[in-house]
Amino acid sequence: MVVGSDISRYPNTPRPTCRGYLHKRTQSAILKGWRKRWFVLKHNGYLHYYKHKKDEGKCRPLEVTKLEGAEIGADTSLGKPFVFKCIPQSGHRIFYFCATSNQEMKRWLEAMDKAVHP
């Protein structure tokens, strides 16, 4: 059983570029709406997300997405403030995220932009 984060076990591991809660739009056949999730953007350009902050380093992420080459940007099509989208290069799906403020949205967009263009 692994307790704690990988940072404590590997002190030379760079800290994530960006981490925090965002709301992610859910578009499954059963569930629709916005779910609060804990996101971690790693230095290698992969975006991991977990159900809760406490799951980071203890559980496998719900999903891992490579951001290199992805299309990202603010999105006004959903009529909600602070929404931005990410279309990974694979193009299989579109992720919609909602931040709590314009400043938070800009912080994520800047970090993601660095991962998109390493």
Protein backbone atom coordinates (compact mmCIF):
# COMPACT_ATOMS: atom_id res chain seq x y z
CA MET A 1 0.00 0.00 0.00
CA VAL A 2 1.35 3.42 -0.96
CA VAL A 3 0.76 6.24 1.48
CA GLY A 4 1.61 9.85 0.71
CA SER A 5 2.58 11.30 -2.60
CA ASP A 6 5.29 10.29 -5.01
CA ILE A 7 7.06 13.57 -4.20
CA SER A 8 8.03 12.35 -0.71
CA ARG A 9 9.36 9.07 -2.10
CA TYR A 10 11.18 10.75 -5.00
CA PRO A 11 12.45 14.13 -3.75
CA ASN A 12 13.98 15.02 -7.13
CA THR A 13 10.60 14.70 -8.90
CA PRO A 14 9.55 18.15 -10.12
CA ARG A 15 6.43 19.51 -8.48
CA PRO A 16 3.33 19.63 -10.70
CA THR A 17 2.99 22.70 -12.90
CA CYS A 18 -0.58 23.34 -11.81
CA ARG A 19 -3.04 21.65 -9.48
CA GLY A 20 -6.45 22.42 -8.04
CA TYR A 21 -10.16 21.83 -8.21
CA LEU A 22 -12.06 22.46 -11.44
CA HIS A 23 -15.55 21.47 -12.48
CA LYS A 24 -15.53 19.07 -15.42
CA ARG A 25 -18.53 18.72 -17.69
CA THR A 26 -19.96 15.20 -17.73
CA GLN A 27 -21.63 14.05 -20.94
CA SER A 28 -22.25 10.35 -20.38
CA ALA A 29 -25.51 8.66 -21.34
CA ILE A 30 -26.50 8.46 -17.67
CA LEU A 31 -24.96 11.55 -16.09
CA LYS A 32 -25.02 15.08 -17.42
CA GLY A 33 -23.81 18.19 -15.66
CA TRP A 34 -20.69 19.42 -13.87
CA ARG A 35 -18.58 17.41 -11.41
CA LYS A 36 -15.94 18.88 -9.12
CA ARG A 37 -12.63 17.06 -9.65
CA TRP A 38 -9.02 17.50 -8.47
CA PHE A 39 -6.69 18.16 -11.43
CA VAL A 40 -2.92 17.86 -11.54
CA LEU A 41 -0.93 19.03 -14.56
CA LYS A 42 2.48 17.34 -14.46
CA HIS A 43 5.74 18.67 -15.93
CA ASN A 44 5.65 15.94 -18.57
CA GLY A 45 2.52 17.56 -20.09
CA TYR A 46 0.01 15.00 -18.81
CA LEU A 47 -3.17 16.11 -17.07
CA HIS A 48 -4.32 13.73 -14.33
CA TYR A 49 -7.58 14.01 -12.49
CA TYR A 50 -8.98 12.47 -9.37
CA LYS A 51 -12.31 12.46 -7.59
CA HIS A 52 -10.83 14.23 -4.53
CA LYS A 53 -7.61 16.04 -3.57
CA LYS A 54 -6.80 13.31 -1.01
CA ASP A 55 -6.72 10.70 -3.81
CA GLU A 56 -3.61 12.21 -5.43
CA GLY A 57 -0.67 9.92 -4.75
CA LYS A 58 -2.90 7.29 -3.12
CA CYS A 59 -5.19 6.19 -5.95
CA ARG A 60 -4.81 5.84 -9.69
CA PRO A 61 -6.16 8.90 -11.53
CA LEU A 62 -9.62 8.62 -13.06
CA GLU A 63 -8.03 9.64 -16.35
CA VAL A 64 -4.69 10.83 -17.75
CA THR A 65 -4.61 12.99 -20.87
CA LYS A 66 -1.60 14.08 -22.92
CA LEU A 67 -1.84 17.82 -23.61
CA GLU A 68 0.98 18.17 -26.14
CA GLY A 69 -0.55 19.34 -29.42
CA ALA A 70 -4.00 19.83 -27.86
CA GLU A 71 -6.28 22.74 -28.67
CA ILE A 72 -7.19 24.81 -25.60
CA GLY A 73 -9.01 28.06 -25.01
CA ALA A 74 -11.85 29.92 -23.33
CA ASP A 75 -15.34 28.84 -24.35
CA THR A 76 -18.54 30.90 -24.23
CA SER A 77 -20.81 28.43 -26.04
CA LEU A 78 -22.19 26.95 -22.80
CA GLY A 79 -23.37 30.31 -21.42
CA LYS A 80 -21.43 29.86 -18.19
CA PRO A 81 -18.56 32.08 -16.95
CA PHE A 82 -14.94 30.87 -16.59
CA VAL A 83 -15.38 27.89 -18.92
CA PHE A 84 -12.53 26.65 -21.08
CA LYS A 85 -12.09 23.60 -23.25
CA CYS A 86 -9.36 21.20 -24.17
CA ILE A 87 -9.37 19.04 -27.30
CA PRO A 88 -6.48 16.54 -27.09
CA GLN A 89 -4.61 15.76 -30.30
CA SER A 90 -6.31 12.35 -30.44
CA GLY A 91 -9.54 14.31 -31.01
CA HIS A 92 -11.70 11.57 -29.46
CA ARG A 93 -13.38 13.91 -27.01
CA ILE A 94 -13.64 17.49 -25.82
CA PHE A 95 -13.07 18.33 -22.17
CA TYR A 96 -14.96 21.31 -20.77
CA PHE A 97 -13.68 22.79 -17.51
CA CYS A 98 -15.12 25.51 -15.30
CA ALA A 99 -12.93 27.50 -12.92
CA THR A 100 -14.14 29.50 -9.92
CA SER A 101 -12.80 32.84 -11.22
CA ASN A 102 -11.31 34.50 -14.28
CA GLN A 103 -7.90 34.55 -12.53
CA GLU A 104 -8.10 30.79 -11.86
CA MET A 105 -9.11 30.13 -15.47
CA LYS A 106 -6.14 32.19 -16.74
CA ARG A 107 -3.76 30.29 -14.41
CA TRP A 108 -4.90 26.95 -15.87
CA LEU A 109 -4.87 28.19 -19.47
CA GLU A 110 -1.30 29.50 -19.10
CA ALA A 111 -0.09 26.23 -17.55
CA MET A 112 -1.90 24.13 -20.16
CA ASP A 113 -0.54 26.29 -22.98
CA LYS A 114 3.02 25.49 -21.82
CA ALA A 115 2.14 21.77 -21.87
CA VAL A 116 0.57 22.05 -25.34
CA HIS A 117 3.71 23.72 -26.74
CA PRO A 118 6.64 22.21 -24.77
